[in-house]
Structure formats: structure tokens, C-alpha cells
Amino acid sequence: MNLSRGIDSWKSLDVLSLGRETRSMERTAPGPLHLRRIDPARNMRRFYTLSLQPTLFGGATVIRNWGRIGTNGQSMMEIFDQPEQAEGAFSRLARTKRRRGYGDAGVNGNG
């Protein structure tokens, strides 16, 4: 245990980095997206989840999870060097799934 009086939290390395966050840290990424497609006539009960996670090196990862509701389903991770590329992929995948009949979970009886 260090009992030195000369140590203060304001003199730590964290203070030196105040205000120097990168642009990707400042931007708010879209939250997780939960989509469902339910069609009783075709015995179809599917889910599709998308999320964005930052990487340690300034990039971003798009994480997809899909399958039949009630199962763990399958997962896939796609890593991008630039967060903008990941956000574009996220939007593109969400648009594609909505065009195929998926809707937000909990809306219009789909949840």
C-alpha cells in the first residue's frame, strides 16, 4: 500500500488524456437492433439481432445473431477498420431484413 501524500488522482495518467478522445469515441453508435418475423401460416418464427461493438484498435465490429425464436441461433462477427464502414454495414443489413418482412420486436404483434 502506498501512503505517500504526494500522489493525487489528478496527477494520474488519466488526467493527461482528458479531452483527447478520438472521434470514434465521441460518436454514439446505434444500439442493438432486435427484429422478428412471425408468420403462423408458414410456421415461421424467426429473430435477427444486430449490434455494433468498438474494437481495441479504433475499428468496430458488427455482431449478427439469427435463428428460430426460442433457440440460441447462429452468430457472425464482421470486423471493420473504420467505424463508419461498420455503421454502413449495420444500416445495410437492417434495411435488407426489413425488406424481407422483419419488423421491430414488440411492434404490431411481432413480439
PDB file of N, CA and C in Angstrom:
ATOM      1  N   MET A   1       0.836  -1.176   0.000  1.00  0.00           N
ATOM      2  CA  MET A   1       0.000   0.000   0.000  1.00  0.00           C
ATOM      3  C   MET A   1       0.878   1.234   0.000  1.00  0.00           C
ATOM      4  N   ASN A   2       0.540   2.191  -0.839  1.00  0.00           N
ATOM      5  CA  ASN A   2       1.313   3.416  -0.957  1.00  0.00           C
ATOM      6  C   ASN A   2       0.647   4.508  -0.127  1.00  0.00           C
ATOM      7  N   LEU A   3       1.341   4.985   0.894  1.00  0.00           N
ATOM      8  CA  LEU A   3       0.781   6.008   1.775  1.00  0.00           C
ATOM      9  C   LEU A   3       1.369   7.385   1.492  1.00  0.00           C
ATOM     10  N   SER A   4       2.023   7.554   0.370  1.00  0.00           N
ATOM     11  CA  SER A   4       2.647   8.816   0.034  1.00  0.00           C
ATOM     12  C   SER A   4       1.590   9.899  -0.163  1.00  0.00           C
ATOM     13  N   ARG A   5       1.806  11.066   0.435  1.00  0.00           N
ATOM     14  CA  ARG A   5       0.854  12.173   0.327  1.00  0.00           C
ATOM     15  C   ARG A   5       1.001  12.901  -1.009  1.00  0.00           C
ATOM     16  N   GLY A   6       2.085  12.684  -1.713  1.00  0.00           N
ATOM     17  CA  GLY A   6       2.305  13.381  -2.974  1.00  0.00           C
ATOM     18  C   GLY A   6       1.543  12.791  -4.144  1.00  0.00           C
ATOM     19  N   ILE A   7       0.792  11.730  -3.931  1.00  0.00           N
ATOM     20  CA  ILE A   7       0.045  11.085  -5.018  1.00  0.00           C
ATOM     21  C   ILE A   7      -1.397  11.544  -4.961  1.00  0.00           C
ATOM     22  N   ASP A   8      -1.875  12.046  -6.065  1.00  0.00           N
ATOM     23  CA  ASP A   8      -3.231  12.544  -6.159  1.00  0.00           C
ATOM     24  C   ASP A   8      -3.835  12.009  -7.459  1.00  0.00           C
ATOM     25  N   SER A   9      -5.125  11.734  -7.448  1.00  0.00           N
ATOM     26  CA  SER A   9      -5.747  11.186  -8.653  1.00  0.00           C
ATOM     27  C   SER A   9      -5.674  12.170  -9.819  1.00  0.00           C
ATOM     28  N   TRP A  10      -5.573  13.473  -9.548  1.00  0.00           N
ATOM     29  CA  TRP A  10      -5.489  14.451 -10.622  1.00  0.00           C
ATOM     30  C   TRP A  10      -4.118  14.491 -11.270  1.00  0.00           C
ATOM     31  N   LYS A  11      -3.164  13.782 -10.702  1.00  0.00           N
ATOM     32  CA  LYS A  11      -1.828  13.728 -11.292  1.00  0.00           C
ATOM     33  C   LYS A  11      -1.613  12.417 -12.042  1.00  0.00           C
ATOM     34  N   SER A  12      -2.645  11.632 -12.167  1.00  0.00           N
ATOM     35  CA  SER A  12      -2.504  10.337 -12.824  1.00  0.00           C
ATOM     36  C   SER A  12      -2.465  10.507 -14.345  1.00  0.00           C
ATOM     37  N   LEU A  13      -2.203   9.427 -15.031  1.00  0.00           N
ATOM     38  CA  LEU A  13      -2.148   9.443 -16.497  1.00  0.00           C
ATOM     39  C   LEU A  13      -3.509   9.721 -17.122  1.00  0.00           C
ATOM     40  N   ASP A  14      -4.584   9.403 -16.403  1.00  0.00           N
ATOM     41  CA  ASP A  14      -5.921   9.651 -16.941  1.00  0.00           C
ATOM     42  C   ASP A  14      -6.156  11.133 -17.180  1.00  0.00           C
ATOM     43  N   VAL A  15      -5.634  11.963 -16.324  1.00  0.00           N
ATOM     44  CA  VAL A  15      -5.833  13.399 -16.459  1.00  0.00           C
ATOM     45  C   VAL A  15      -5.131  13.916 -17.704  1.00  0.00           C
ATOM     46  N   LEU A  16      -4.005  13.327 -18.029  1.00  0.00           N
ATOM     47  CA  LEU A  16      -3.261  13.772 -19.201  1.00  0.00           C
ATOM     48  C   LEU A  16      -4.032  13.539 -20.493  1.00  0.00           C
ATOM     49  N   SER A  17      -4.928  12.570 -20.492  1.00  0.00           N
ATOM     50  CA  SER A  17      -5.663  12.249 -21.716  1.00  0.00           C
ATOM     51  C   SER A  17      -7.030  12.925 -21.770  1.00  0.00           C
ATOM     52  N   LEU A  18      -7.392  13.733 -20.788  1.00  0.00           N
ATOM     53  CA  LEU A  18      -8.687  14.403 -20.817  1.00  0.00           C
ATOM     54  C   LEU A  18      -8.822  15.274 -22.064  1.00  0.00           C
ATOM     55  N   GLY A  19      -9.931  15.141 -22.742  1.00  0.00           N
ATOM     56  CA  GLY A  19     -10.186  15.946 -23.929  1.00  0.00           C
ATOM     57  C   GLY A  19      -9.487  15.463 -25.176  1.00  0.00           C
ATOM     58  N   ARG A  20      -8.801  14.352 -25.104  1.00  0.00           N
ATOM     59  CA  ARG A  20      -8.075  13.848 -26.279  1.00  0.00           C
ATOM     60  C   ARG A  20      -8.711  12.585 -26.856  1.00  0.00           C
ATOM     61  N   GLU A  21      -9.947  12.345 -26.538  1.00  0.00           N
ATOM     62  CA  GLU A  21     -10.594  11.157 -27.059  1.00  0.00           C
ATOM     63  C   GLU A  21     -10.669  11.244 -28.571  1.00  0.00           C
ATOM     64  N   THR A  22     -10.618  10.094 -29.212  1.00  0.00           N
ATOM     65  CA  THR A  22     -10.697  10.072 -30.667  1.00  0.00           C
ATOM     66  C   THR A  22     -12.124  10.336 -31.111  1.00  0.00           C
ATOM     67  N   ARG A  23     -12.286  10.647 -32.373  1.00  0.00           N
ATOM     68  CA  ARG A  23     -13.594  10.956 -32.923  1.00  0.00           C
ATOM     69  C   ARG A  23     -14.544   9.772 -32.794  1.00  0.00           C
ATOM     70  N   SER A  24     -14.032   8.540 -32.926  1.00  0.00           N
ATOM     71  CA  SER A  24     -14.897   7.365 -32.825  1.00  0.00           C
ATOM     72  C   SER A  24     -15.417   7.179 -31.414  1.00  0.00           C
ATOM     73  N   MET A  25     -14.695   7.669 -30.403  1.00  0.00           N
ATOM     74  CA  MET A  25     -15.174   7.558 -29.038  1.00  0.00           C
ATOM     75  C   MET A  25     -16.310   8.530 -28.769  1.00  0.00           C
ATOM     76  N   GLU A  26     -16.300   9.672 -29.441  1.00  0.00           N
ATOM     77  CA  GLU A  26     -17.303  10.697 -29.212  1.00  0.00           C
ATOM     78  C   GLU A  26     -18.643  10.336 -29.839  1.00  0.00           C
ATOM     79  N   ARG A  27     -18.617   9.647 -30.955  1.00  0.00           N
ATOM     80  CA  ARG A  27     -19.818   9.311 -31.699  1.00  0.00           C
ATOM     81  C   ARG A  27     -20.613   8.233 -30.968  1.00  0.00           C
ATOM     82  N   THR A  28     -21.924   8.358 -30.990  1.00  0.00           N
ATOM     83  CA  THR A  28     -22.748   7.329 -30.377  1.00  0.00           C
ATOM     84  C   THR A  28     -23.179   6.351 -31.454  1.00  0.00           C
ATOM     85  N   ALA A  29     -22.898   5.102 -31.241  1.00  0.00           N
ATOM     86  CA  ALA A  29     -23.233   4.058 -32.196  1.00  0.00           C
ATOM     87  C   ALA A  29     -24.692   3.657 -32.002  1.00  0.00           C
ATOM     88  N   PRO A  30     -25.338   3.160 -33.069  1.00  0.00           N
ATOM     89  CA  PRO A  30     -26.710   2.695 -32.907  1.00  0.00           C
ATOM     90  C   PRO A  30     -26.758   1.539 -31.917  1.00  0.00           C
ATOM     91  N   GLY A  31     -27.810   1.511 -31.127  1.00  0.00           N
ATOM     92  CA  GLY A  31     -27.964   0.455 -30.139  1.00  0.00           C
ATOM     93  C   GLY A  31     -28.294  -0.866 -30.803  1.00  0.00           C
ATOM     94  N   PRO A  32     -28.391  -1.915 -30.019  1.00  0.00           N
ATOM     95  CA  PRO A  32     -28.744  -3.213 -30.601  1.00  0.00           C
ATOM     96  C   PRO A  32     -30.120  -3.151 -31.264  1.00  0.00           C
ATOM     97  N   LEU A  33     -30.247  -3.849 -32.355  1.00  0.00           N
ATOM     98  CA  LEU A  33     -31.495  -3.881 -33.119  1.00  0.00           C
ATOM     99  C   LEU A  33     -32.044  -5.301 -33.061  1.00  0.00           C
ATOM    100  N   HIS A  34     -33.277  -5.447 -32.569  1.00  0.00           N
ATOM    101  CA  HIS A  34     -33.929  -6.743 -32.453  1.00  0.00           C
ATOM    102  C   HIS A  34     -35.084  -6.786 -33.443  1.00  0.00           C
ATOM    103  N   LEU A  35     -34.999  -7.677 -34.414  1.00  0.00           N
ATOM    104  CA  LEU A  35     -36.037  -7.823 -35.435  1.00  0.00           C
ATOM    105  C   LEU A  35     -36.655  -9.216 -35.330  1.00  0.00           C
ATOM    106  N   ARG A  36     -37.935  -9.298 -35.711  1.00  0.00           N
ATOM    107  CA  ARG A  36     -38.618 -10.593 -35.719  1.00  0.00           C
ATOM    108  C   ARG A  36     -39.494 -10.712 -36.954  1.00  0.00           C
ATOM    109  N   ARG A  37     -39.652 -11.959 -37.375  1.00  0.00           N
ATOM    110  CA  ARG A  37     -40.562 -12.253 -38.479  1.00  0.00           C
ATOM    111  C   ARG A  37     -41.397 -13.447 -38.058  1.00  0.00           C
ATOM    112  N   ILE A  38     -42.685 -13.213 -37.903  1.00  0.00           N
ATOM    113  CA  ILE A  38     -43.594 -14.266 -37.445  1.00  0.00           C
ATOM    114  C   ILE A  38     -44.703 -14.419 -38.468  1.00  0.00           C
ATOM    115  N   ASP A  39     -44.851 -15.646 -38.986  1.00  0.00           N
ATOM    116  CA  ASP A  39     -45.905 -15.959 -39.950  1.00  0.00           C
ATOM    117  C   ASP A  39     -46.481 -17.326 -39.580  1.00  0.00           C
ATOM    118  N   PRO A  40     -47.584 -17.342 -38.805  1.00  0.00           N
ATOM    119  CA  PRO A  40     -48.152 -18.627 -38.356  1.00  0.00           C
ATOM    120  C   PRO A  40     -48.560 -19.539 -39.510  1.00  0.00           C
ATOM    121  N   ALA A  41     -48.995 -18.984 -40.630  1.00  0.00           N
ATOM    122  CA  ALA A  41     -49.427 -19.801 -41.772  1.00  0.00           C
ATOM    123  C   ALA A  41     -48.262 -20.620 -42.329  1.00  0.00           C
ATOM    124  N   ARG A  42     -47.042 -20.095 -42.225  1.00  0.00           N
ATOM    125  CA  ARG A  42     -45.864 -20.806 -42.732  1.00  0.00           C
ATOM    126  C   ARG A  42     -45.036 -21.425 -41.610  1.00  0.00           C
ATOM    127  N   ASN A  43     -45.565 -21.412 -40.373  1.00  0.00           N
ATOM    128  CA  ASN A  43     -44.856 -21.919 -39.196  1.00  0.00           C
ATOM    129  C   ASN A  43     -43.482 -21.249 -39.072  1.00  0.00           C
ATOM    130  N   MET A  44     -43.465 -19.943 -39.286  1.00  0.00           N
ATOM    131  CA  MET A  44     -42.211 -19.189 -39.269  1.00  0.00           C
ATOM    132  C   MET A  44     -42.174 -18.284 -38.045  1.00  0.00           C
ATOM    133  N   ARG A  45     -41.150 -18.455 -37.211  1.00  0.00           N
ATOM    134  CA  ARG A  45     -40.927 -17.601 -36.044  1.00  0.00           C
ATOM    135  C   ARG A  45     -39.421 -17.369 -35.958  1.00  0.00           C
ATOM    136  N   ARG A  46     -38.949 -16.309 -36.620  1.00  0.00           N
ATOM    137  CA  ARG A  46     -37.513 -16.042 -36.708  1.00  0.00           C
ATOM    138  C   ARG A  46     -37.143 -14.745 -35.999  1.00  0.00           C
ATOM    139  N   PHE A  47     -35.887 -14.678 -35.560  1.00  0.00           N
ATOM    140  CA  PHE A  47     -35.364 -13.440 -34.985  1.00  0.00           C
ATOM    141  C   PHE A  47     -34.056 -13.096 -35.673  1.00  0.00           C
ATOM    142  N   TYR A  48     -33.697 -11.829 -35.596  1.00  0.00           N
ATOM    143  CA  TYR A  48     -32.452 -11.339 -36.166  1.00  0.00           C
ATOM    144  C   TYR A  48     -31.994 -10.177 -35.292  1.00  0.00           C
ATOM    145  N   THR A  49     -30.796 -10.260 -34.745  1.00  0.00           N
ATOM    146  CA  THR A  49     -30.262  -9.222 -33.867  1.00  0.00           C
ATOM    147  C   THR A  49     -28.978  -8.682 -34.445  1.00  0.00           C
ATOM    148  N   LEU A  50     -28.847  -7.359 -34.457  1.00  0.00           N
ATOM    149  CA  LEU A  50     -27.635  -6.678 -34.922  1.00  0.00           C
ATOM    150  C   LEU A  50     -27.123  -5.777 -33.806  1.00  0.00           C
ATOM    151  N   SER A  51     -25.802  -5.742 -33.631  1.00  0.00           N
ATOM    152  CA  SER A  51     -25.220  -4.791 -32.682  1.00  0.00           C
ATOM    153  C   SER A  51     -23.834  -4.375 -33.165  1.00  0.00           C
ATOM    154  N   LEU A  52     -23.412  -3.200 -32.725  1.00  0.00           N
ATOM    155  CA  LEU A  52     -22.095  -2.659 -33.038  1.00  0.00           C
ATOM    156  C   LEU A  52     -21.271  -2.611 -31.765  1.00  0.00           C
ATOM    157  N   GLN A  53     -20.028  -3.066 -31.847  1.00  0.00           N
ATOM    158  CA  GLN A  53     -19.120  -3.023 -30.705  1.00  0.00           C
ATOM    159  C   GLN A  53     -17.803  -2.417 -31.164  1.00  0.00           C
ATOM    160  N   PRO A  54     -17.227  -1.499 -30.375  1.00  0.00           N
ATOM    161  CA  PRO A  54     -15.917  -0.948 -30.750  1.00  0.00           C
ATOM    162  C   PRO A  54     -14.820  -1.987 -30.540  1.00  0.00           C
ATOM    163  N   THR A  55     -13.754  -1.879 -31.328  1.00  0.00           N
ATOM    164  CA  THR A  55     -12.592  -2.740 -31.132  1.00  0.00           C
ATOM    165  C   THR A  55     -11.529  -1.971 -30.362  1.00  0.00           C
ATOM    166  N   LEU A  56     -10.521  -2.656 -29.907  1.00  0.00           N
ATOM    167  CA  LEU A  56      -9.454  -2.014 -29.140  1.00  0.00           C
ATOM    168  C   LEU A  56      -8.589  -1.099 -29.985  1.00  0.00           C
ATOM    169  N   PHE A  57      -8.628  -1.244 -31.295  1.00  0.00           N
ATOM    170  CA  PHE A  57      -7.726  -0.511 -32.166  1.00  0.00           C
ATOM    171  C   PHE A  57      -8.428   0.569 -32.983  1.00  0.00           C
ATOM    172  N   GLY A  58      -9.585   1.025 -32.544  1.00  0.00           N
ATOM    173  CA  GLY A  58     -10.268   2.123 -33.212  1.00  0.00           C
ATOM    174  C   GLY A  58     -11.253   1.705 -34.277  1.00  0.00           C
ATOM    175  N   GLY A  59     -11.400   0.451 -34.540  1.00  0.00           N
ATOM    176  CA  GLY A  59     -12.361  -0.029 -35.529  1.00  0.00           C
ATOM    177  C   GLY A  59     -13.686  -0.357 -34.865  1.00  0.00           C
ATOM    178  N   ALA A  60     -14.489  -1.157 -35.538  1.00  0.00           N
ATOM    179  CA  ALA A  60     -15.779  -1.566 -34.995  1.00  0.00           C
ATOM    180  C   ALA A  60     -16.139  -2.943 -35.531  1.00  0.00           C
ATOM    181  N   THR A  61     -16.982  -3.640 -34.785  1.00  0.00           N
ATOM    182  CA  THR A  61     -17.428  -4.972 -35.154  1.00  0.00           C
ATOM    183  C   THR A  61     -18.948  -4.991 -35.243  1.00  0.00           C
ATOM    184  N   VAL A  62     -19.474  -5.583 -36.304  1.00  0.00           N
ATOM    185  CA  VAL A  62     -20.910  -5.812 -36.436  1.00  0.00           C
ATOM    186  C   VAL A  62     -21.152  -7.254 -36.011  1.00  0.00           C
ATOM    187  N   ILE A  63     -21.994  -7.420 -35.003  1.00  0.00           N
ATOM    188  CA  ILE A  63     -22.310  -8.760 -34.492  1.00  0.00           C
ATOM    189  C   ILE A  63     -23.745  -9.085 -34.885  1.00  0.00           C
ATOM    190  N   ARG A  64     -23.909 -10.213 -35.572  1.00  0.00           N
ATOM    191  CA  ARG A  64     -25.226 -10.660 -36.019  1.00  0.00           C
ATOM    192  C   ARG A  64     -25.573 -11.954 -35.306  1.00  0.00           C
ATOM    193  N   ASN A  65     -26.836 -12.098 -34.940  1.00  0.00           N
ATOM    194  CA  ASN A  65     -27.331 -13.324 -34.342  1.00  0.00           C
ATOM    195  C   ASN A  65     -28.703 -13.580 -34.944  1.00  0.00           C
ATOM    196  N   TRP A  66     -28.957 -14.792 -35.428  1.00  0.00           N
ATOM    197  CA  TRP A  66     -30.231 -15.084 -36.074  1.00  0.00           C
ATOM    198  C   TRP A  66     -30.605 -16.527 -35.858  1.00  0.00           C
ATOM    199  N   GLY A  67     -31.903 -16.802 -36.009  1.00  0.00           N
ATOM    200  CA  GLY A  67     -32.388 -18.173 -35.881  1.00  0.00           C
ATOM    201  C   GLY A  67     -33.870 -18.207 -35.568  1.00  0.00           C
ATOM    202  N   ARG A  68     -34.337 -19.374 -35.163  1.00  0.00           N
ATOM    203  CA  ARG A  68     -35.735 -19.551 -34.785  1.00  0.00           C
ATOM    204  C   ARG A  68     -35.916 -19.054 -33.356  1.00  0.00           C
ATOM    205  N   ILE A  69     -37.011 -18.348 -33.120  1.00  0.00           N
ATOM    206  CA  ILE A  69     -37.296 -17.836 -31.778  1.00  0.00           C
ATOM    207  C   ILE A  69     -37.382 -19.015 -30.811  1.00  0.00           C
ATOM    208  N   GLY A  70     -36.697 -18.892 -29.699  1.00  0.00           N
ATOM    209  CA  GLY A  70     -36.656 -19.958 -28.696  1.00  0.00           C
ATOM    210  C   GLY A  70     -35.364 -20.755 -28.743  1.00  0.00           C
ATOM    211  N   THR A  71     -34.525 -20.494 -29.750  1.00  0.00           N
ATOM    212  CA  THR A  71     -33.231 -21.176 -29.839  1.00  0.00           C
ATOM    213  C   THR A  71     -32.117 -20.136 -29.684  1.00  0.00           C
ATOM    214  N   ASN A  72     -30.893 -20.617 -29.538  1.00  0.00           N
ATOM    215  CA  ASN A  72     -29.751 -19.706 -29.480  1.00  0.00           C
ATOM    216  C   ASN A  72     -29.398 -19.167 -30.856  1.00  0.00           C
ATOM    217  N   GLY A  73     -29.719 -19.889 -31.887  1.00  0.00           N
ATOM    218  CA  GLY A  73     -29.446 -19.442 -33.246  1.00  0.00           C
ATOM    219  C   GLY A  73     -27.972 -19.496 -33.589  1.00  0.00           C
ATOM    220  N   GLN A  74     -27.610 -18.773 -34.622  1.00  0.00           N
ATOM    221  CA  GLN A  74     -26.234 -18.703 -35.094  1.00  0.00           C
ATOM    222  C   GLN A  74     -25.723 -17.284 -34.933  1.00  0.00           C
ATOM    223  N   SER A  75     -24.404 -17.145 -34.898  1.00  0.00           N
ATOM    224  CA  SER A  75     -23.794 -15.824 -34.762  1.00  0.00           C
ATOM    225  C   SER A  75     -22.695 -15.628 -35.778  1.00  0.00           C
ATOM    226  N   MET A  76     -22.464 -14.352 -36.119  1.00  0.00           N
ATOM    227  CA  MET A  76     -21.377 -13.994 -37.024  1.00  0.00           C
ATOM    228  C   MET A  76     -20.846 -12.627 -36.610  1.00  0.00           C
ATOM    229  N   MET A  77     -19.529 -12.481 -36.631  1.00  0.00           N
ATOM    230  CA  MET A  77     -18.893 -11.200 -36.328  1.00  0.00           C
ATOM    231  C   MET A  77     -18.121 -10.742 -37.548  1.00  0.00           C
ATOM    232  N   GLU A  78     -18.295  -9.468 -37.903  1.00  0.00           N
ATOM    233  CA  GLU A  78     -17.571  -8.869 -39.016  1.00  0.00           C
ATOM    234  C   GLU A  78     -16.787  -7.686 -38.469  1.00  0.00           C
ATOM    235  N   ILE A  79     -15.475  -7.670 -38.664  1.00  0.00           N
ATOM    236  CA  ILE A  79     -14.620  -6.621 -38.123  1.00  0.00           C
ATOM    237  C   ILE A  79     -14.273  -5.623 -39.213  1.00  0.00           C
ATOM    238  N   PHE A  80     -14.389  -4.333 -38.896  1.00  0.00           N
ATOM    239  CA  PHE A  80     -14.099  -3.256 -39.832  1.00  0.00           C
ATOM    240  C   PHE A  80     -13.021  -2.353 -39.242  1.00  0.00           C
ATOM    241  N   ASP A  81     -12.152  -1.826 -40.105  1.00  0.00           N
ATOM    242  CA  ASP A  81     -11.090  -0.924 -39.656  1.00  0.00           C
ATOM    243  C   ASP A  81     -11.630   0.440 -39.258  1.00  0.00           C
ATOM    244  N   GLN A  82     -12.683   0.898 -39.923  1.00  0.00           N
ATOM    245  CA  GLN A  82     -13.256   2.207 -39.661  1.00  0.00           C
ATOM    246  C   GLN A  82     -14.675   2.051 -39.111  1.00  0.00           C
ATOM    247  N   PRO A  83     -15.024   2.789 -38.043  1.00  0.00           N
ATOM    248  CA  PRO A  83     -16.389   2.705 -37.513  1.00  0.00           C
ATOM    249  C   PRO A  83     -17.450   3.087 -38.538  1.00  0.00           C
ATOM    250  N   GLU A  84     -17.121   3.992 -39.454  1.00  0.00           N
ATOM    251  CA  GLU A  84     -18.086   4.401 -40.477  1.00  0.00           C
ATOM    252  C   GLU A  84     -18.467   3.227 -41.376  1.00  0.00           C
ATOM    253  N   GLN A  85     -17.482   2.373 -41.691  1.00  0.00           N
ATOM    254  CA  GLN A  85     -17.759   1.191 -42.513  1.00  0.00           C
ATOM    255  C   GLN A  85     -18.698   0.238 -41.780  1.00  0.00           C
ATOM    256  N   ALA A  86     -18.482   0.060 -40.486  1.00  0.00           N
ATOM    257  CA  ALA A  86     -19.331  -0.828 -39.692  1.00  0.00           C
ATOM    258  C   ALA A  86     -20.751  -0.277 -39.601  1.00  0.00           C
ATOM    259  N   GLU A  87     -20.884   1.039 -39.423  1.00  0.00           N
ATOM    260  CA  GLU A  87     -22.209   1.644 -39.362  1.00  0.00           C
ATOM    261  C   GLU A  87     -22.944   1.485 -40.692  1.00  0.00           C
ATOM    262  N   GLY A  88     -22.220   1.591 -41.799  1.00  0.00           N
ATOM    263  CA  GLY A  88     -22.823   1.380 -43.114  1.00  0.00           C
ATOM    264  C   GLY A  88     -23.312  -0.048 -43.286  1.00  0.00           C
ATOM    265  N   ALA A  89     -22.501  -1.015 -42.853  1.00  0.00           N
ATOM    266  CA  ALA A  89     -22.899  -2.423 -42.936  1.00  0.00           C
ATOM    267  C   ALA A  89     -24.112  -2.693 -42.047  1.00  0.00           C
ATOM    268  N   PHE A  90     -24.116  -2.110 -40.853  1.00  0.00           N
ATOM    269  CA  PHE A  90     -25.234  -2.246 -39.919  1.00  0.00           C
ATOM    270  C   PHE A  90     -26.525  -1.760 -40.578  1.00  0.00           C
ATOM    271  N   SER A  91     -26.490  -0.563 -41.151  1.00  0.00           N
ATOM    272  CA  SER A  91     -27.674   0.011 -41.806  1.00  0.00           C
ATOM    273  C   SER A  91     -28.124  -0.820 -42.992  1.00  0.00           C
ATOM    274  N   ARG A  92     -27.157  -1.276 -43.778  1.00  0.00           N
ATOM    275  CA  ARG A  92     -27.471  -2.078 -44.969  1.00  0.00           C
ATOM    276  C   ARG A  92     -28.163  -3.390 -44.571  1.00  0.00           C
ATOM    277  N   LEU A  93     -27.645  -4.060 -43.542  1.00  0.00           N
ATOM    278  CA  LEU A  93     -28.244  -5.318 -43.086  1.00  0.00           C
ATOM    279  C   LEU A  93     -29.644  -5.089 -42.524  1.00  0.00           C
ATOM    280  N   ALA A  94     -29.821  -4.014 -41.762  1.00  0.00           N
ATOM    281  CA  ALA A  94     -31.138  -3.712 -41.195  1.00  0.00           C
ATOM    282  C   ALA A  94     -32.156  -3.444 -42.309  1.00  0.00           C
ATOM    283  N   ARG A  95     -31.763  -2.671 -43.321  1.00  0.00           N
ATOM    284  CA  ARG A  95     -32.662  -2.387 -44.457  1.00  0.00           C
ATOM    285  C   ARG A  95     -33.041  -3.673 -45.181  1.00  0.00           C
ATOM    286  N   THR A  96     -32.064  -4.534 -45.414  1.00  0.00           N
ATOM    287  CA  THR A  96     -32.314  -5.785 -46.127  1.00  0.00           C
ATOM    288  C   THR A  96     -33.305  -6.658 -45.367  1.00  0.00           C
ATOM    289  N   LYS A  97     -33.128  -6.780 -44.071  1.00  0.00           N
ATOM    290  CA  LYS A  97     -34.023  -7.624 -43.273  1.00  0.00           C
ATOM    291  C   LYS A  97     -35.437  -7.041 -43.223  1.00  0.00           C
ATOM    292  N   ARG A  98     -35.541  -5.732 -43.118  1.00  0.00           N
ATOM    293  CA  ARG A  98     -36.872  -5.113 -43.100  1.00  0.00           C
ATOM    294  C   ARG A  98     -37.583  -5.309 -44.433  1.00  0.00           C
ATOM    295  N   ARG A  99     -36.825  -5.256 -45.541  1.00  0.00           N
ATOM    296  CA  ARG A  99     -37.414  -5.515 -46.859  1.00  0.00           C
ATOM    297  C   ARG A  99     -37.927  -6.945 -46.971  1.00  0.00           C
ATOM    298  N   ARG A 100     -37.303  -7.865 -46.247  1.00  0.00           N
ATOM    299  CA  ARG A 100     -37.700  -9.278 -46.299  1.00  0.00           C
ATOM    300  C   ARG A 100     -38.812  -9.627 -45.320  1.00  0.00           C
ATOM    301  N   GLY A 101     -39.377  -8.614 -44.658  1.00  0.00           N
ATOM    302  CA  GLY A 101     -40.530  -8.863 -43.805  1.00  0.00           C
ATOM    303  C   GLY A 101     -40.268  -8.846 -42.324  1.00  0.00           C
ATOM    304  N   TYR A 102     -39.058  -8.579 -41.896  1.00  0.00           N
ATOM    305  CA  TYR A 102     -38.760  -8.499 -40.472  1.00  0.00           C
ATOM    306  C   TYR A 102     -39.218  -7.145 -39.947  1.00  0.00           C
ATOM    307  N   GLY A 103     -39.708  -7.137 -38.712  1.00  0.00           N
ATOM    308  CA  GLY A 103     -40.127  -5.891 -38.069  1.00  0.00           C
ATOM    309  C   GLY A 103     -39.521  -5.811 -36.685  1.00  0.00           C
ATOM    310  N   ASP A 104     -39.592  -4.623 -36.096  1.00  0.00           N
ATOM    311  CA  ASP A 104     -39.066  -4.435 -34.753  1.00  0.00           C
ATOM    312  C   ASP A 104     -39.791  -5.334 -33.767  1.00  0.00           C
ATOM    313  N   ALA A 105     -39.065  -5.929 -32.839  1.00  0.00           N
ATOM    314  CA  ALA A 105     -39.649  -6.810 -31.842  1.00  0.00           C
ATOM    315  C   ALA A 105     -40.598  -6.008 -30.968  1.00  0.00           C
ATOM    316  N   GLY A 106     -41.775  -6.554 -30.719  1.00  0.00           N
ATOM    317  CA  GLY A 106     -42.743  -5.895 -29.845  1.00  0.00           C
ATOM    318  C   GLY A 106     -43.675  -4.946 -30.565  1.00  0.00           C
ATOM    319  N   VAL A 107     -43.541  -4.781 -31.879  1.00  0.00           N
ATOM    320  CA  VAL A 107     -44.385  -3.863 -32.638  1.00  0.00           C
ATOM    321  C   VAL A 107     -45.327  -4.668 -33.536  1.00  0.00           C
ATOM    322  N   ASN A 108     -46.594  -4.265 -33.566  1.00  0.00           N
ATOM    323  CA  ASN A 108     -47.598  -4.899 -34.440  1.00  0.00           C
ATOM    324  C   ASN A 108     -47.744  -6.394 -34.203  1.00  0.00           C
ATOM    325  N   GLY A 109     -47.667  -6.816 -32.947  1.00  0.00           N
ATOM    326  CA  GLY A 109     -47.871  -8.227 -32.623  1.00  0.00           C
ATOM    327  C   GLY A 109     -46.683  -9.110 -32.933  1.00  0.00           C
ATOM    328  N   ASN A 110     -45.541  -8.535 -33.289  1.00  0.00           N
ATOM    329  CA  ASN A 110     -44.363  -9.334 -33.593  1.00  0.00           C
ATOM    330  C   ASN A 110     -43.475  -9.549 -32.389  1.00  0.00           C
ATOM    331  N   GLY A 111     -43.958  -9.395 -31.211  1.00  0.00           N
ATOM    332  CA  GLY A 111     -43.075  -9.553 -30.088  1.00  0.00           C
ATOM    333  C   GLY A 111     -43.796 -10.006 -28.924  1.00  0.00           C
TER     334      GLY A 111
END
